[in-house]
Protein backbone atom coordinates (compact mmCIF):
# COMPACT_ATOMS: atom_id res chain seq x y z
CA MET A 1 0.00 0.00 0.00
CA GLU A 2 1.29 3.43 -0.93
CA VAL A 3 0.63 6.29 1.46
CA ARG A 4 0.72 9.88 0.25
CA SER A 5 0.63 13.07 2.23
CA LYS A 6 -0.57 16.56 1.47
CA THR A 7 -0.37 19.87 3.23
CA VAL A 8 -3.52 21.98 3.43
CA TRP A 9 -3.81 25.67 4.28
CA ASN A 10 -7.17 27.34 4.92
CA GLY A 11 -7.90 31.03 4.76
CA LYS A 12 -10.50 33.66 4.08
CA TYR A 13 -10.39 36.72 1.88
CA ASP A 14 -13.18 39.27 1.48
CA GLY A 15 -15.69 36.89 3.05
CA VAL A 16 -14.81 33.89 0.86
CA ASN A 17 -13.21 30.79 2.42
CA PHE A 18 -10.38 29.23 0.44
CA GLU A 19 -8.12 26.21 0.66
CA ILE A 20 -4.65 25.60 -0.77
CA GLN A 21 -3.19 22.12 -1.11
CA ASN A 22 0.34 20.93 -1.82
CA PHE A 23 1.15 17.30 -2.55
CA LYS A 24 3.40 15.21 -4.76
CA ILE A 25 2.60 13.39 -7.95
CA GLY A 26 5.57 11.07 -8.26
CA GLU A 27 8.47 13.29 -7.27
CA ARG A 28 6.94 16.48 -8.62
CA PRO A 29 5.26 18.91 -6.19
CA SER A 30 1.73 19.86 -7.19
CA TRP A 31 -0.54 22.67 -6.04
CA THR A 32 -4.27 23.39 -6.06
CA PHE A 33 -6.52 26.05 -4.65
CA TYR A 34 -10.24 26.00 -4.11
CA PHE A 35 -12.87 28.19 -2.63
CA TYR A 36 -16.15 27.40 -1.03
CA LEU A 37 -19.35 29.08 -2.11
CA TYR A 38 -22.39 28.91 0.13
CA LEU A 39 -25.35 29.25 -2.17
CA ASN A 40 -27.61 30.85 0.45
CA ARG A 41 -25.30 33.89 0.26
CA ILE A 42 -26.44 34.60 -3.32
CA PRO A 43 -29.60 36.74 -3.03
CA ASP A 44 -30.91 35.94 -6.53
CA LYS A 45 -32.42 32.46 -6.07
CA LYS A 46 -32.34 31.64 -9.79
CA LEU A 47 -28.64 32.52 -9.94
CA SER A 48 -28.00 30.68 -6.69
CA ASN A 49 -29.67 27.54 -8.05
CA SER A 50 -27.60 27.78 -11.25
CA PHE A 51 -24.44 26.99 -9.23
CA TRP A 52 -25.93 23.61 -8.17
CA LEU A 53 -25.02 21.95 -11.44
CA LYS A 54 -26.88 18.97 -12.82
CA PRO A 55 -24.76 15.83 -13.10
CA LYS A 56 -23.94 14.43 -16.51
CA LYS A 57 -22.83 10.92 -17.34
CA TYR A 58 -19.68 10.10 -19.23
CA LYS A 59 -19.54 6.58 -20.55
CA SER A 60 -16.67 4.90 -22.33
CA GLN A 61 -16.06 1.27 -23.14
CA PHE A 62 -14.04 1.02 -19.90
CA SER A 63 -16.01 3.00 -17.35
CA GLU A 64 -18.90 5.25 -16.52
CA ARG A 65 -18.67 8.32 -14.33
CA ILE A 66 -20.56 11.43 -13.31
CA TYR A 67 -19.18 14.90 -14.08
CA TYR A 68 -20.32 18.51 -13.95
CA ASP A 69 -20.00 20.91 -16.88
CA TYR A 70 -18.70 23.77 -14.69
CA ASN A 71 -16.92 25.52 -17.57
CA SER A 72 -20.34 26.28 -19.12
CA HIS A 73 -21.44 28.23 -16.05
CA PRO A 74 -21.31 31.97 -16.87
CA ILE A 75 -19.66 32.97 -13.57
CA ILE A 76 -17.48 29.96 -12.76
CA SER A 77 -15.96 30.08 -16.24
CA GLU A 78 -15.15 33.80 -15.95
CA ILE A 79 -13.33 33.69 -12.61
CA GLU A 80 -9.60 34.32 -13.02
CA TRP A 81 -8.36 30.81 -12.31
CA HIS A 82 -4.85 29.54 -12.94
CA CYS A 83 -5.37 28.03 -16.42
CA GLY A 84 -9.13 27.68 -15.91
CA CYS A 85 -11.38 25.93 -13.43
CA THR A 86 -10.57 22.24 -13.06
CA TRP A 87 -12.60 21.25 -10.00
CA TYR A 88 -16.24 21.35 -8.94
CA SER A 89 -17.80 19.36 -6.15
CA LYS A 90 -20.94 19.55 -4.07
CA GLU A 91 -19.82 19.78 -0.45
CA ALA A 92 -23.11 20.29 1.38
CA GLY A 93 -26.78 20.47 0.54
CA PHE A 94 -27.92 16.94 1.01
CA ASP A 95 -30.86 15.89 3.15
CA GLY A 96 -32.11 19.45 3.53
CA GLU A 97 -28.94 21.23 4.68
CA GLY A 98 -27.72 24.45 3.03
CA LYS A 99 -25.99 23.98 -0.32
CA ALA A 100 -22.26 24.61 -0.70
CA ILE A 101 -19.87 23.93 -3.54
CA LYS A 102 -16.10 23.73 -3.81
CA ILE A 103 -14.55 25.10 -7.01
CA GLY A 104 -10.93 25.52 -7.94
CA CYS A 105 -7.96 24.87 -10.13
CA ASP A 106 -4.67 23.02 -10.25
CA TYR A 107 -1.08 23.73 -11.25
CA GLY A 108 -0.55 20.47 -13.13
CA HIS A 109 -0.60 21.84 -16.66
CA LEU A 110 2.13 21.52 -19.28
CA TYR A 111 2.92 25.19 -18.62
CA ASP A 112 3.56 24.40 -14.95
CA GLU A 113 6.07 21.57 -15.42
CA GLU A 114 9.19 23.73 -15.18
CA MET A 115 7.74 26.23 -12.70
CA VAL A 116 8.57 26.33 -9.01
CA TYR A 117 5.73 27.70 -6.90
CA ARG A 118 5.66 28.78 -3.29
CA ILE A 119 2.69 29.03 -0.97
CA GLU A 120 2.78 32.83 -1.38
CA ASP A 121 2.33 32.45 -5.16
CA ILE A 122 -0.70 30.20 -4.79
CA GLN A 123 -2.22 32.41 -2.08
CA ARG A 124 -1.82 35.47 -4.32
CA ASP A 125 -3.55 33.62 -7.18
CA ALA A 126 -6.37 32.47 -4.87
CA ILE A 127 -6.93 36.04 -3.70
CA GLU A 128 -6.96 37.33 -7.28
CA ALA A 129 -9.53 34.65 -8.18
CA ILE A 130 -11.70 35.73 -5.23
CA LYS A 131 -11.40 39.38 -6.31
CA SER A 132 -12.56 38.44 -9.80
CA PHE A 133 -15.44 36.43 -8.31
CA ARG A 134 -16.48 39.44 -6.21
CA LYS A 135 -16.51 41.61 -9.36
CA LEU A 136 -18.72 39.08 -11.12
CA LEU A 137 -21.02 38.62 -8.11
CA PRO A 138 -20.67 41.72 -5.91
CA ASP A 139 -23.81 41.00 -3.88
CA TYR A 140 -22.48 37.67 -2.51
CA LYS A 141 -23.30 38.07 1.19
CA TYR A 142 -20.89 38.20 4.12
CA TRP A 143 -21.32 35.96 7.15
CA CYS A 144 -21.09 37.81 10.49
CA TRP A 145 -19.05 35.75 12.92
CA GLY A 146 -20.84 37.40 15.84
CA ASN A 147 -24.42 36.38 15.12
CA GLY A 148 -24.15 34.07 12.10
CA LYS A 149 -26.45 36.18 9.92
CA LEU A 150 -25.78 37.24 6.32
CA TYR A 151 -25.22 40.86 5.27
CA SER A 152 -24.19 43.09 2.41
CA LYS A 153 -20.71 44.56 2.75
CA SER A 154 -22.22 48.00 3.47
CA GLU A 155 -23.87 46.60 6.62
CA GLY A 156 -20.63 46.04 8.51
CA VAL A 157 -16.84 46.12 8.52
CA ILE A 158 -14.06 43.62 8.14
CA ARG A 159 -11.85 43.27 11.23
CA ASN A 160 -8.97 40.76 11.40
CA ASN A 161 -10.26 39.25 8.14
CA GLU A 162 -13.69 38.56 9.69
CA PHE A 163 -16.92 40.33 8.78
CA CYS A 164 -18.57 42.14 11.67
CA SER A 165 -22.13 43.39 11.20
CA LYS A 166 -23.29 46.75 12.47
CA GLU A 167 -26.38 45.02 13.87
CA TYR A 168 -24.26 42.88 16.21
CA PHE A 169 -21.12 44.94 16.84
CA GLY A 170 -22.35 48.49 16.12
CA ASN A 171 -22.06 49.67 19.75
CA GLU A 172 -18.42 48.60 20.14
CA ASN A 173 -15.83 51.40 20.10
CA TRP A 174 -13.53 49.49 17.75
CA PHE A 175 -16.45 49.08 15.31
CA LYS A 176 -17.18 52.81 15.31
CA GLU A 177 -13.48 53.55 14.67
CA LEU A 178 -13.34 51.12 11.74
CA GLU A 179 -16.63 52.42 10.36
CA ASP A 180 -15.28 55.99 10.41
CA LYS A 181 -12.32 54.89 8.25
CA ILE A 182 -14.59 53.55 5.51
């Protein structure tokens, strides 16, 4: 039995959770980054539902598998990925729970073979992808870590990379100071 290891970093930028992975394929280091989209944060229900892609079947003489045509989605396909989106999975939304997807890309392309990447490079690319997502879907809601409710960016501030709503934290002195700087 062969055992492989991978290193995983988790972060958040502008209200979007992301994950970076580093692992080896043979002797070559490989990188990926993903971010998680919680579909209840998309106010337009039709648009929100469009991210929950319908499965398609691929059948060859050797196997049959399910896949998702994520590159046909008008927003997923336009995010500034490293060489395009290469991953889509449904992470939550079964048995009545809120729907969440994981989308991302890898650094295993022909272009990447001679490149040496560092965690800082992948993190920068993940942040740029999130920025492009926010431009495409600016009304994606922020989750307030104080009360767990969803808000527009104008309804709070970001402190230590966490969204803080005015409804929950508005009476705090630090909130008023941050709000004045906006």
